[in-house]
Amino acid sequence: MRVFLTGAGGFIARAVAARLRDEGHQVGGVDLRADEAAGVVAGDITSDGAWLDAVTGADLVIHTAAVVSNAVGLDGQWRVNVGGTRKALDAAVRAGVPRFVHLSSIRAFSDLGFPDGVTEDHPVRLDGNPYVDTKIASEQVVLQAHAEGRIAVTIVRPGDVYGPGSRPWTILPVQLIKKFQFLLPAMGAGVFSPVYVDDLTGGLLLAARRSQGAGQIFTLTGGAGVSCKEFFGHYYRMLGRRGPWVAPTPVAVTVARVAGRAISLTGSATEVNAVSMRYFARTGTYSIEKAGRLLGYRPEVDLAEGMARTERWLRTQGLLP
């Protein structure tokens, strides 16, 4: 099988590519920077370019390229998350690729107001957050192509993906904790839905290969929610610090808003903001029953094992004492 990855230099795409190569498949892709050894060409998925020709001959396109941030405005996220998705999808259709897998997010359910154990048939909900709203719009682009019979698509909504190489849920929290800039709302009782990167890549490839996945949306998490205090507490332990620091949600939101503005005055972008605080105050979990039933998805790495592997990797990177 020949697989083409967008955002091929990103965390999830690299993990997927490594797994596919181990299985003997041919893997290429596009990213802002070329990597000839990995078969990755340079290109911007929001613009035409030579990368469009590189899609030719692929049996599968896995679209991972996206702006994943709470610190980028609507225009920047729309250009990549929606416009880039349309460009990648059109390239796959023109090249005659039979299957297109789109990485969305559990945040399509909104950061607020979804029921515990939410399933894929629950309505998505715009909430004014550019990342949430553009992920929902990108799903519409993909599903429309499938409904029109242009290409078979599958949408995967990953949970909170952590592990070696994860910027949002491994590298960045460790960096913020070391700078004493990490605070949890809801007294740390907000629900986190972790999925170790190896479990996600396995589930994603099941969704890509199984005929039952065509036209479907799948939520892929580790299968259980934990408190934010428990999840991020592992990083405090690795750093030899007491914590996490917690506060009531209104206090945490106010602190994050003030701190975020102060950091922005230095010209730096930061994920320390009110949107992040509200995300850490979620109260619901996400069902993976559908992925188990249709794909045979079964997470294999629990939080203890996942964090042990993550700690070993962090130490090899010099990110821990």
C-alpha atoms as a PDB file:
ATOM      1  CA  MET A   1       0.000   0.000   0.000  1.00  0.00           C
ATOM      2  CA  ARG A   2       1.180   3.530  -0.746  1.00  0.00           C
ATOM      3  CA  VAL A   3       0.108   6.091   1.836  1.00  0.00           C
ATOM      4  CA  PHE A   4       0.310   9.880   1.577  1.00  0.00           C
ATOM      5  CA  LEU A   5       0.283  11.968   4.768  1.00  0.00           C
ATOM      6  CA  THR A   6      -0.405  15.678   5.059  1.00  0.00           C
ATOM      7  CA  GLY A   7       1.373  17.374   7.935  1.00  0.00           C
ATOM      8  CA  ALA A   8       3.891  14.560   7.562  1.00  0.00           C
ATOM      9  CA  GLY A   9       6.391  16.171   9.924  1.00  0.00           C
ATOM     10  CA  GLY A  10       3.888  16.393  12.763  1.00  0.00           C
ATOM     11  CA  PHE A  11       3.677  14.284  15.898  1.00  0.00           C
ATOM     12  CA  ILE A  12       0.808  11.986  14.907  1.00  0.00           C
ATOM     13  CA  ALA A  13       1.833  11.706  11.255  1.00  0.00           C
ATOM     14  CA  ARG A  14       5.365  10.616  12.217  1.00  0.00           C
ATOM     15  CA  ALA A  15       3.980   7.941  14.504  1.00  0.00           C
ATOM     16  CA  VAL A  16       1.618   6.677  11.797  1.00  0.00           C
ATOM     17  CA  ALA A  17       4.382   6.685   9.187  1.00  0.00           C
ATOM     18  CA  ALA A  18       6.724   4.696  11.421  1.00  0.00           C
ATOM     19  CA  ARG A  19       4.072   2.070  12.005  1.00  0.00           C
ATOM     20  CA  LEU A  20       3.256   1.792   8.303  1.00  0.00           C
ATOM     21  CA  ARG A  21       6.912   1.450   7.337  1.00  0.00           C
ATOM     22  CA  ASP A  22       7.381  -1.266   9.942  1.00  0.00           C
ATOM     23  CA  GLU A  23       4.581  -3.133   8.178  1.00  0.00           C
ATOM     24  CA  GLY A  24       6.306  -2.748   4.823  1.00  0.00           C
ATOM     25  CA  HIS A  25       4.157  -0.029   3.259  1.00  0.00           C
ATOM     26  CA  GLN A  26       5.445   2.862   1.166  1.00  0.00           C
ATOM     27  CA  VAL A  27       4.914   6.220   2.880  1.00  0.00           C
ATOM     28  CA  GLY A  28       5.258   9.772   1.604  1.00  0.00           C
ATOM     29  CA  GLY A  29       3.678  13.094   2.323  1.00  0.00           C
ATOM     30  CA  VAL A  30       3.796  16.853   2.442  1.00  0.00           C
ATOM     31  CA  ASP A  31       4.890  19.279   5.125  1.00  0.00           C
ATOM     32  CA  LEU A  32       6.149  22.848   5.227  1.00  0.00           C
ATOM     33  CA  ARG A  33       9.669  21.417   5.268  1.00  0.00           C
ATOM     34  CA  ALA A  34      10.835  18.638   2.983  1.00  0.00           C
ATOM     35  CA  ASP A  35      12.361  15.428   4.285  1.00  0.00           C
ATOM     36  CA  GLU A  36      13.695  13.517   1.311  1.00  0.00           C
ATOM     37  CA  ALA A  37      14.718  10.515   3.390  1.00  0.00           C
ATOM     38  CA  ALA A  38      11.133  10.133   4.586  1.00  0.00           C
ATOM     39  CA  GLY A  39       9.598  10.810   1.172  1.00  0.00           C
ATOM     40  CA  VAL A  40       8.166  14.130   2.346  1.00  0.00           C
ATOM     41  CA  VAL A  41       7.946  17.017  -0.137  1.00  0.00           C
ATOM     42  CA  ALA A  42       7.769  20.678   0.851  1.00  0.00           C
ATOM     43  CA  GLY A  43       4.439  22.388   0.397  1.00  0.00           C
ATOM     44  CA  ASP A  44       1.662  24.435   1.933  1.00  0.00           C
ATOM     45  CA  ILE A  45      -1.639  22.565   1.797  1.00  0.00           C
ATOM     46  CA  THR A  46      -3.537  25.845   1.559  1.00  0.00           C
ATOM     47  CA  SER A  47      -1.864  26.613  -1.795  1.00  0.00           C
ATOM     48  CA  ASP A  48      -1.267  24.912  -5.104  1.00  0.00           C
ATOM     49  CA  GLY A  49       2.193  23.507  -5.652  1.00  0.00           C
ATOM     50  CA  ALA A  50       4.305  20.520  -6.609  1.00  0.00           C
ATOM     51  CA  TRP A  51       2.986  18.627  -3.578  1.00  0.00           C
ATOM     52  CA  LEU A  52      -0.294  18.069  -5.466  1.00  0.00           C
ATOM     53  CA  ASP A  53       1.501  15.808  -7.957  1.00  0.00           C
ATOM     54  CA  ALA A  54       3.003  13.772  -5.124  1.00  0.00           C
ATOM     55  CA  VAL A  55      -0.460  12.479  -4.219  1.00  0.00           C
ATOM     56  CA  THR A  56      -0.665  10.569  -7.515  1.00  0.00           C
ATOM     57  CA  GLY A  57      -0.525   6.813  -7.053  1.00  0.00           C
ATOM     58  CA  ALA A  58      -1.529   6.808  -3.399  1.00  0.00           C
ATOM     59  CA  ASP A  59      -3.932   4.165  -2.132  1.00  0.00           C
ATOM     60  CA  LEU A  60      -4.742   6.165   0.980  1.00  0.00           C
ATOM     61  CA  VAL A  61      -4.470   9.787   2.097  1.00  0.00           C
ATOM     62  CA  ILE A  62      -4.310  10.489   5.835  1.00  0.00           C
ATOM     63  CA  HIS A  63      -4.917  14.162   6.495  1.00  0.00           C
ATOM     64  CA  THR A  64      -3.300  15.272   9.754  1.00  0.00           C
ATOM     65  CA  ALA A  65      -2.183  18.806   8.857  1.00  0.00           C
ATOM     66  CA  ALA A  66      -3.908  21.379  11.063  1.00  0.00           C
ATOM     67  CA  VAL A  67      -3.441  24.307  13.370  1.00  0.00           C
ATOM     68  CA  VAL A  68      -3.784  22.735  16.835  1.00  0.00           C
ATOM     69  CA  SER A  69      -3.881  25.677  19.202  1.00  0.00           C
ATOM     70  CA  ASN A  70      -5.987  27.833  21.478  1.00  0.00           C
ATOM     71  CA  ALA A  71      -3.774  30.814  20.677  1.00  0.00           C
ATOM     72  CA  VAL A  72      -4.403  31.277  16.925  1.00  0.00           C
ATOM     73  CA  GLY A  73      -7.310  33.379  15.667  1.00  0.00           C
ATOM     74  CA  LEU A  74     -10.186  32.346  13.423  1.00  0.00           C
ATOM     75  CA  ASP A  75      -8.662  33.497  10.124  1.00  0.00           C
ATOM     76  CA  GLY A  76      -5.431  31.562  10.666  1.00  0.00           C
ATOM     77  CA  GLN A  77      -7.243  28.406  11.728  1.00  0.00           C
ATOM     78  CA  TRP A  78      -9.845  28.645   8.977  1.00  0.00           C
ATOM     79  CA  ARG A  79      -7.177  28.940   6.294  1.00  0.00           C
ATOM     80  CA  VAL A  80      -5.497  25.688   7.331  1.00  0.00           C
ATOM     81  CA  ASN A  81      -8.140  23.607   9.101  1.00  0.00           C
ATOM     82  CA  VAL A  82     -10.903  24.225   6.562  1.00  0.00           C
ATOM     83  CA  GLY A  83      -9.290  25.595   3.394  1.00  0.00           C
ATOM     84  CA  GLY A  84      -6.352  23.205   3.676  1.00  0.00           C
ATOM     85  CA  THR A  85      -8.671  20.257   4.231  1.00  0.00           C
ATOM     86  CA  ARG A  86     -10.578  21.128   1.077  1.00  0.00           C
ATOM     87  CA  LYS A  87      -7.358  21.451  -0.924  1.00  0.00           C
ATOM     88  CA  ALA A  88      -6.047  18.079   0.330  1.00  0.00           C
ATOM     89  CA  LEU A  89      -9.386  16.411  -0.332  1.00  0.00           C
ATOM     90  CA  ASP A  90      -9.585  17.784  -3.871  1.00  0.00           C
ATOM     91  CA  ALA A  91      -6.033  16.587  -4.536  1.00  0.00           C
ATOM     92  CA  ALA A  92      -6.971  13.076  -3.422  1.00  0.00           C
ATOM     93  CA  VAL A  93     -10.076  13.080  -5.629  1.00  0.00           C
ATOM     94  CA  ARG A  94      -8.143  14.275  -8.692  1.00  0.00           C
ATOM     95  CA  ALA A  95      -5.502  11.590  -8.112  1.00  0.00           C
ATOM     96  CA  GLY A  96      -8.160   8.876  -7.900  1.00  0.00           C
ATOM     97  CA  VAL A  97      -7.260   7.924  -4.321  1.00  0.00           C
ATOM     98  CA  PRO A  98      -9.919   5.484  -3.042  1.00  0.00           C
ATOM     99  CA  ARG A  99      -9.824   6.457   0.654  1.00  0.00           C
ATOM    100  CA  PHE A 100      -9.327   9.676   2.638  1.00  0.00           C
ATOM    101  CA  VAL A 101      -8.937   9.681   6.432  1.00  0.00           C
ATOM    102  CA  HIS A 102      -9.426  13.005   8.178  1.00  0.00           C
ATOM    103  CA  LEU A 103      -8.137  13.721  11.675  1.00  0.00           C
ATOM    104  CA  SER A 104     -10.640  15.874  13.490  1.00  0.00           C
ATOM    105  CA  SER A 105     -10.926  16.163  17.273  1.00  0.00           C
ATOM    106  CA  ILE A 106     -13.142  15.276  20.216  1.00  0.00           C
ATOM    107  CA  ARG A 107     -13.521  19.020  20.518  1.00  0.00           C
ATOM    108  CA  ALA A 108     -16.080  18.873  17.709  1.00  0.00           C
ATOM    109  CA  PHE A 109     -18.492  17.992  20.524  1.00  0.00           C
ATOM    110  CA  SER A 110     -17.599  21.448  21.960  1.00  0.00           C
ATOM    111  CA  ASP A 111     -15.533  22.054  25.056  1.00  0.00           C
ATOM    112  CA  LEU A 112     -18.680  22.564  27.102  1.00  0.00           C
ATOM    113  CA  GLY A 113     -22.121  21.090  27.456  1.00  0.00           C
ATOM    114  CA  PHE A 114     -21.798  17.529  26.106  1.00  0.00           C
ATOM    115  CA  PRO A 115     -23.101  14.513  28.033  1.00  0.00           C
ATOM    116  CA  ASP A 116     -20.880  12.026  29.828  1.00  0.00           C
ATOM    117  CA  GLY A 117     -20.063   9.070  27.589  1.00  0.00           C
ATOM    118  CA  VAL A 118     -20.901  11.133  24.509  1.00  0.00           C
ATOM    119  CA  THR A 119     -21.248   9.124  21.295  1.00  0.00           C
ATOM    120  CA  GLU A 120     -20.580  10.012  17.664  1.00  0.00           C
ATOM    121  CA  ASP A 121     -24.273  10.539  16.912  1.00  0.00           C
ATOM    122  CA  HIS A 122     -24.444  13.449  19.381  1.00  0.00           C
ATOM    123  CA  PRO A 123     -24.722  16.779  17.502  1.00  0.00           C
ATOM    124  CA  VAL A 124     -21.553  18.816  17.123  1.00  0.00           C
ATOM    125  CA  ARG A 125     -21.702  22.259  18.703  1.00  0.00           C
ATOM    126  CA  LEU A 126     -20.100  25.548  17.722  1.00  0.00           C
ATOM    127  CA  ASP A 127     -18.901  27.456  20.773  1.00  0.00           C
ATOM    128  CA  GLY A 128     -16.998  30.446  19.403  1.00  0.00           C
ATOM    129  CA  ASN A 129     -13.549  28.883  19.870  1.00  0.00           C
ATOM    130  CA  PRO A 130     -11.737  29.006  16.496  1.00  0.00           C
ATOM    131  CA  TYR A 131     -10.265  25.520  16.889  1.00  0.00           C
ATOM    132  CA  VAL A 132     -13.599  23.924  17.765  1.00  0.00           C
ATOM    133  CA  ASP A 133     -15.505  25.765  15.061  1.00  0.00           C
ATOM    134  CA  THR A 134     -12.992  25.092  12.274  1.00  0.00           C
ATOM    135  CA  LYS A 135     -12.751  21.403  13.159  1.00  0.00           C
ATOM    136  CA  ILE A 136     -16.518  21.139  12.812  1.00  0.00           C
ATOM    137  CA  ALA A 137     -16.398  22.963   9.466  1.00  0.00           C
ATOM    138  CA  SER A 138     -13.601  20.710   8.209  1.00  0.00           C
ATOM    139  CA  GLU A 139     -15.710  17.638   8.990  1.00  0.00           C
ATOM    140  CA  GLN A 140     -18.525  19.088   6.871  1.00  0.00           C
ATOM    141  CA  VAL A 141     -16.140  19.494   3.928  1.00  0.00           C
ATOM    142  CA  VAL A 142     -15.083  15.850   4.161  1.00  0.00           C
ATOM    143  CA  LEU A 143     -18.563  14.411   4.700  1.00  0.00           C
ATOM    144  CA  GLN A 144     -19.931  16.395   1.761  1.00  0.00           C
ATOM    145  CA  ALA A 145     -17.378  14.793  -0.567  1.00  0.00           C
ATOM    146  CA  HIS A 146     -18.410  11.356   0.681  1.00  0.00           C
ATOM    147  CA  ALA A 147     -22.127  12.133   0.295  1.00  0.00           C
ATOM    148  CA  GLU A 148     -21.513  13.242  -3.287  1.00  0.00           C
ATOM    149  CA  GLY A 149     -19.726   9.967  -4.038  1.00  0.00           C
ATOM    150  CA  ARG A 150     -16.445  11.714  -4.878  1.00  0.00           C
ATOM    151  CA  ILE A 151     -14.320   9.658  -2.461  1.00  0.00           C
ATOM    152  CA  ALA A 152     -14.771   7.308   0.493  1.00  0.00           C
ATOM    153  CA  VAL A 153     -13.891   9.120   3.702  1.00  0.00           C
ATOM    154  CA  THR A 154     -13.433   8.314   7.371  1.00  0.00           C
ATOM    155  CA  ILE A 155     -13.247  10.852  10.196  1.00  0.00           C
ATOM    156  CA  VAL A 156     -11.285  10.118  13.360  1.00  0.00           C
ATOM    157  CA  ARG A 157     -11.765  12.219  16.492  1.00  0.00           C
ATOM    158  CA  PRO A 158      -8.739  11.572  18.708  1.00  0.00           C
ATOM    159  CA  GLY A 159      -8.854  12.155  22.439  1.00  0.00           C
ATOM    160  CA  ASP A 160      -6.060  13.919  24.330  1.00  0.00           C
ATOM    161  CA  VAL A 161      -3.060  12.287  22.641  1.00  0.00           C
ATOM    162  CA  TYR A 162       0.034  12.048  24.824  1.00  0.00           C
ATOM    163  CA  GLY A 163       3.333  10.234  24.679  1.00  0.00           C
ATOM    164  CA  PRO A 164       6.738  10.652  23.005  1.00  0.00           C
ATOM    165  CA  GLY A 165       6.641  13.708  20.737  1.00  0.00           C
ATOM    166  CA  SER A 166       3.275  15.100  21.863  1.00  0.00           C
ATOM    167  CA  ARG A 167       3.585  18.865  22.105  1.00  0.00           C
ATOM    168  CA  PRO A 168       0.186  19.769  23.623  1.00  0.00           C
ATOM    169  CA  TRP A 169      -0.099  17.035  26.249  1.00  0.00           C
ATOM    170  CA  THR A 170       3.518  16.103  27.008  1.00  0.00           C
ATOM    171  CA  ILE A 171       6.166  18.638  26.007  1.00  0.00           C
ATOM    172  CA  LEU A 172       4.247  21.855  26.648  1.00  0.00           C
ATOM    173  CA  PRO A 173       2.864  20.894  30.089  1.00  0.00           C
ATOM    174  CA  VAL A 174       6.354  19.886  31.240  1.00  0.00           C
ATOM    175  CA  GLN A 175       7.772  23.189  30.017  1.00  0.00           C
ATOM    176  CA  LEU A 176       5.031  25.218  31.737  1.00  0.00           C
ATOM    177  CA  ILE A 177       5.350  23.288  34.996  1.00  0.00           C
ATOM    178  CA  LYS A 178       9.088  23.966  35.029  1.00  0.00           C
ATOM    179  CA  LYS A 179       8.349  27.692  34.628  1.00  0.00           C
ATOM    180  CA  PHE A 180       5.673  27.639  37.362  1.00  0.00           C
ATOM    181  CA  GLN A 181       3.076  28.662  34.758  1.00  0.00           C
ATOM    182  CA  PHE A 182       0.732  25.666  34.971  1.00  0.00           C
ATOM    183  CA  LEU A 183      -2.607  25.928  36.776  1.00  0.00           C
ATOM    184  CA  LEU A 184      -5.710  23.736  36.685  1.00  0.00           C
ATOM    185  CA  PRO A 185      -9.303  24.983  37.073  1.00  0.00           C
ATOM    186  CA  ALA A 186     -12.147  23.166  38.858  1.00  0.00           C
ATOM    187  CA  MET A 187      -9.683  22.323  41.642  1.00  0.00           C
ATOM    188  CA  GLY A 188      -8.151  19.789  39.269  1.00  0.00           C
ATOM    189  CA  ALA A 189     -11.376  17.770  39.042  1.00  0.00           C
ATOM    190  CA  GLY A 190     -11.977  18.427  35.336  1.00  0.00           C
ATOM    191  CA  VAL A 191     -12.053  15.291  33.201  1.00  0.00           C
ATOM    192  CA  PHE A 192      -9.168  14.456  30.867  1.00  0.00           C
ATOM    193  CA  SER A 193      -9.520  11.767  28.173  1.00  0.00           C
ATOM    194  CA  PRO A 194      -6.005  10.545  27.387  1.00  0.00           C
ATOM    195  CA  VAL A 195      -5.016   8.189  24.608  1.00  0.00           C
ATOM    196  CA  TYR A 196      -1.441   6.969  24.248  1.00  0.00           C
ATOM    197  CA  VAL A 197      -0.051   7.677  20.791  1.00  0.00           C
ATOM    198  CA  ASP A 198       0.465   3.991  19.925  1.00  0.00           C
ATOM    199  CA  ASP A 199      -3.189   3.216  20.655  1.00  0.00           C
ATOM    200  CA  LEU A 200      -4.306   6.131  18.501  1.00  0.00           C
ATOM    201  CA  THR A 201      -2.184   5.106  15.529  1.00  0.00           C
ATOM    202  CA  GLY A 202      -3.460   1.547  15.760  1.00  0.00           C
ATOM    203  CA  GLY A 203      -7.066   2.709  15.854  1.00  0.00           C
ATOM    204  CA  LEU A 204      -6.547   5.179  13.049  1.00  0.00           C
ATOM    205  CA  LEU A 205      -5.172   2.492  10.747  1.00  0.00           C
ATOM    206  CA  LEU A 206      -8.051   0.181  11.629  1.00  0.00           C
ATOM    207  CA  ALA A 207     -10.423   2.970  10.580  1.00  0.00           C
ATOM    208  CA  ALA A 208      -8.482   3.485   7.352  1.00  0.00           C
ATOM    209  CA  ARG A 209      -8.367  -0.177   6.340  1.00  0.00           C
ATOM    210  CA  ARG A 210     -11.724  -1.562   7.370  1.00  0.00           C
ATOM    211  CA  SER A 211     -14.556  -1.251   4.864  1.00  0.00           C
ATOM    212  CA  GLN A 212     -16.865  -0.642   7.828  1.00  0.00           C
ATOM    213  CA  GLY A 213     -15.072   2.658   8.381  1.00  0.00           C
ATOM    214  CA  ALA A 214     -16.139   4.270   5.109  1.00  0.00           C
ATOM    215  CA  GLY A 215     -18.457   7.218   5.676  1.00  0.00           C
ATOM    216  CA  GLN A 216     -18.130   6.911   9.442  1.00  0.00           C
ATOM    217  CA  ILE A 217     -16.903   9.041  12.336  1.00  0.00           C
ATOM    218  CA  PHE A 218     -14.968   7.375  15.160  1.00  0.00           C
ATOM    219  CA  THR A 219     -13.915   8.663  18.556  1.00  0.00           C
ATOM    220  CA  LEU A 220     -10.591   7.174  19.654  1.00  0.00           C
ATOM    221  CA  THR A 221      -9.515   7.646  23.270  1.00  0.00           C
ATOM    222  CA  GLY A 222      -7.937   5.402  25.861  1.00  0.00           C
ATOM    223  CA  GLY A 223     -11.427   4.371  26.904  1.00  0.00           C
ATOM    224  CA  ALA A 224     -11.550   6.088  30.295  1.00  0.00           C
ATOM    225  CA  GLY A 225     -11.511   9.586  31.686  1.00  0.00           C
ATOM    226  CA  VAL A 226      -9.259  10.637  34.556  1.00  0.00           C
ATOM    227  CA  SER A 227      -9.083  13.846  36.522  1.00  0.00           C
ATOM    228  CA  CYS A 228      -6.765  16.524  35.172  1.00  0.00           C
ATOM    229  CA  LYS A 229      -5.093  16.497  38.579  1.00  0.00           C
ATOM    230  CA  GLU A 230      -4.239  12.806  38.164  1.00  0.00           C
ATOM    231  CA  PHE A 231      -3.039  13.086  34.576  1.00  0.00           C
ATOM    232  CA  PHE A 232      -0.811  16.138  34.962  1.00  0.00           C
ATOM    233  CA  GLY A 233       0.266  14.969  38.404  1.00  0.00           C
ATOM    234  CA  HIS A 234       2.446  12.412  36.626  1.00  0.00           C
ATOM    235  CA  TYR A 235       4.537  15.233  35.131  1.00  0.00           C
ATOM    236  CA  TYR A 236       4.921  16.896  38.524  1.00  0.00           C
ATOM    237  CA  ARG A 237       6.163  13.585  39.921  1.00  0.00           C
ATOM    238  CA  MET A 238       8.654  13.215  37.063  1.00  0.00           C
ATOM    239  CA  LEU A 239       9.956  16.719  37.793  1.00  0.00           C
ATOM    240  CA  GLY A 240      10.165  16.063  41.519  1.00  0.00           C
ATOM    241  CA  ARG A 241       7.647  18.767  42.349  1.00  0.00           C
ATOM    242  CA  ARG A 242       4.507  18.915  44.428  1.00  0.00           C
ATOM    243  CA  GLY A 243       1.323  19.644  42.556  1.00  0.00           C
ATOM    244  CA  PRO A 244      -0.538  20.276  40.380  1.00  0.00           C
ATOM    245  CA  TRP A 245      -1.520  23.791  41.344  1.00  0.00           C
ATOM    246  CA  VAL A 246      -5.319  24.074  41.310  1.00  0.00           C
ATOM    247  CA  ALA A 247      -7.945  26.798  41.758  1.00  0.00           C
ATOM    248  CA  PRO A 248     -11.700  27.313  41.355  1.00  0.00           C
ATOM    249  CA  THR A 249     -12.591  27.758  37.692  1.00  0.00           C
ATOM    250  CA  PRO A 250     -13.444  31.496  37.827  1.00  0.00           C
ATOM    251  CA  VAL A 251     -10.124  32.195  39.551  1.00  0.00           C
ATOM    252  CA  ALA A 252      -8.153  30.033  37.104  1.00  0.00           C
ATOM    253  CA  VAL A 253      -9.813  31.680  34.083  1.00  0.00           C
ATOM    254  CA  THR A 254      -9.026  35.151  35.412  1.00  0.00           C
ATOM    255  CA  VAL A 255      -5.413  34.243  36.203  1.00  0.00           C
ATOM    256  CA  ALA A 256      -4.950  32.680  32.751  1.00  0.00           C
ATOM    257  CA  ARG A 257      -6.480  35.676  31.008  1.00  0.00           C
ATOM    258  CA  VAL A 258      -4.197  38.123  32.826  1.00  0.00           C
ATOM    259  CA  ALA A 259      -1.099  35.947  32.400  1.00  0.00           C
ATOM    260  CA  GLY A 260      -1.862  35.370  28.735  1.00  0.00           C
ATOM    261  CA  ARG A 261      -2.138  39.081  28.057  1.00  0.00           C
ATOM    262  CA  ALA A 262       1.107  39.741  29.864  1.00  0.00           C
ATOM    263  CA  ILE A 263       2.922  37.085  27.830  1.00  0.00           C
ATOM    264  CA  SER A 264       1.409  38.365  24.571  1.00  0.00           C
ATOM    265  CA  LEU A 265       2.854  41.829  25.284  1.00  0.00           C
ATOM    266  CA  THR A 266       6.303  40.274  24.870  1.00  0.00           C
ATOM    267  CA  GLY A 267       5.342  39.263  21.337  1.00  0.00           C
ATOM    268  CA  SER A 268       5.057  35.584  22.153  1.00  0.00           C
ATOM    269  CA  ALA A 269       2.066  33.327  21.493  1.00  0.00           C
ATOM    270  CA  THR A 270       0.877  31.331  24.470  1.00  0.00           C
ATOM    271  CA  GLU A 271      -1.584  28.569  25.246  1.00  0.00           C
ATOM    272  CA  VAL A 272      -2.081  30.100  28.702  1.00  0.00           C
ATOM    273  CA  ASN A 273      -5.533  31.582  28.188  1.00  0.00           C
ATOM    274  CA  ALA A 274      -9.170  31.345  29.220  1.00  0.00           C
ATOM    275  CA  VAL A 275     -10.017  28.819  26.479  1.00  0.00           C
ATOM    276  CA  SER A 276      -7.453  26.354  27.817  1.00  0.00           C
ATOM    277  CA  MET A 277      -8.803  26.753  31.343  1.00  0.00           C
ATOM    278  CA  ARG A 278     -12.346  25.972  30.208  1.00  0.00           C
ATOM    279  CA  TYR A 279     -11.066  22.893  28.386  1.00  0.00           C
ATOM    280  CA  PHE A 280      -9.524  21.603  31.608  1.00  0.00           C
ATOM    281  CA  ALA A 281     -12.884  22.086  33.351  1.00  0.00           C
ATOM    282  CA  ARG A 282     -14.751  19.531  31.206  1.00  0.00           C
ATOM    283  CA  THR A 283     -16.971  17.105  33.091  1.00  0.00           C
ATOM    284  CA  GLY A 284     -17.754  14.480  30.431  1.00  0.00           C
ATOM    285  CA  THR A 285     -16.085  11.480  28.811  1.00  0.00           C
ATOM    286  CA  TYR A 286     -16.213  10.058  25.280  1.00  0.00           C
ATOM    287  CA  SER A 287     -17.517   6.631  24.289  1.00  0.00           C
ATOM    288  CA  ILE A 288     -15.338   4.361  22.132  1.00  0.00           C
ATOM    289  CA  GLU A 289     -18.025   1.676  21.843  1.00  0.00           C
ATOM    290  CA  LYS A 290     -18.585   2.335  18.136  1.00  0.00           C
ATOM    291  CA  ALA A 291     -14.888   1.980  17.295  1.00  0.00           C
ATOM    292  CA  GLY A 292     -14.775  -1.245  19.287  1.00  0.00           C
ATOM    293  CA  ARG A 293     -17.871  -2.657  17.627  1.00  0.00           C
ATOM    294  CA  LEU A 294     -17.121  -1.756  14.004  1.00  0.00           C
ATOM    295  CA  LEU A 295     -13.329  -1.735  13.970  1.00  0.00           C
ATOM    296  CA  GLY A 296     -12.289  -4.000  16.818  1.00  0.00           C
ATOM    297  CA  TYR A 297     -10.481  -1.087  18.459  1.00  0.00           C
ATOM    298  CA  ARG A 298      -9.146  -1.973  21.911  1.00  0.00           C
ATOM    299  CA  PRO A 299      -6.693   0.402  23.652  1.00  0.00           C
ATOM    300  CA  GLU A 300      -3.756  -1.571  25.040  1.00  0.00           C
ATOM    301  CA  VAL A 301      -1.700   1.033  26.937  1.00  0.00           C
ATOM    302  CA  ASP A 302      -3.155   2.202  30.245  1.00  0.00           C
ATOM    303  CA  LEU A 303      -2.164   5.493  31.838  1.00  0.00           C
ATOM    304  CA  ALA A 304       0.468   4.010  34.160  1.00  0.00           C
ATOM    305  CA  GLU A 305       2.278   2.239  31.331  1.00  0.00           C
ATOM    306  CA  GLY A 306       1.866   5.179  28.961  1.00  0.00           C
ATOM    307  CA  MET A 307       3.360   7.577  31.473  1.00  0.00           C
ATOM    308  CA  ALA A 308       6.254   5.195  32.177  1.00  0.00           C
ATOM    309  CA  ARG A 309       7.082   5.133  28.457  1.00  0.00           C
ATOM    310  CA  THR A 310       6.634   8.895  28.225  1.00  0.00           C
ATOM    311  CA  GLU A 311       8.969   9.477  31.177  1.00  0.00           C
ATOM    312  CA  ARG A 312      11.705   7.401  29.553  1.00  0.00           C
ATOM    313  CA  TRP A 313      11.379   9.437  26.362  1.00  0.00           C
ATOM    314  CA  LEU A 314      11.380  12.787  28.194  1.00  0.00           C
ATOM    315  CA  ARG A 315      14.609  11.809  29.922  1.00  0.00           C
ATOM    316  CA  THR A 316      16.269  10.884  26.627  1.00  0.00           C
ATOM    317  CA  GLN A 317      15.287  14.343  25.329  1.00  0.00           C
ATOM    318  CA  GLY A 318      16.770  16.116  28.324  1.00  0.00           C
ATOM    319  CA  LEU A 319      13.385  17.536  29.315  1.00  0.00           C
ATOM    320  CA  LEU A 320      13.527  16.069  32.825  1.00  0.00           C
ATOM    321  CA  PRO A 321      16.217  16.412  35.478  1.00  0.00           C
END
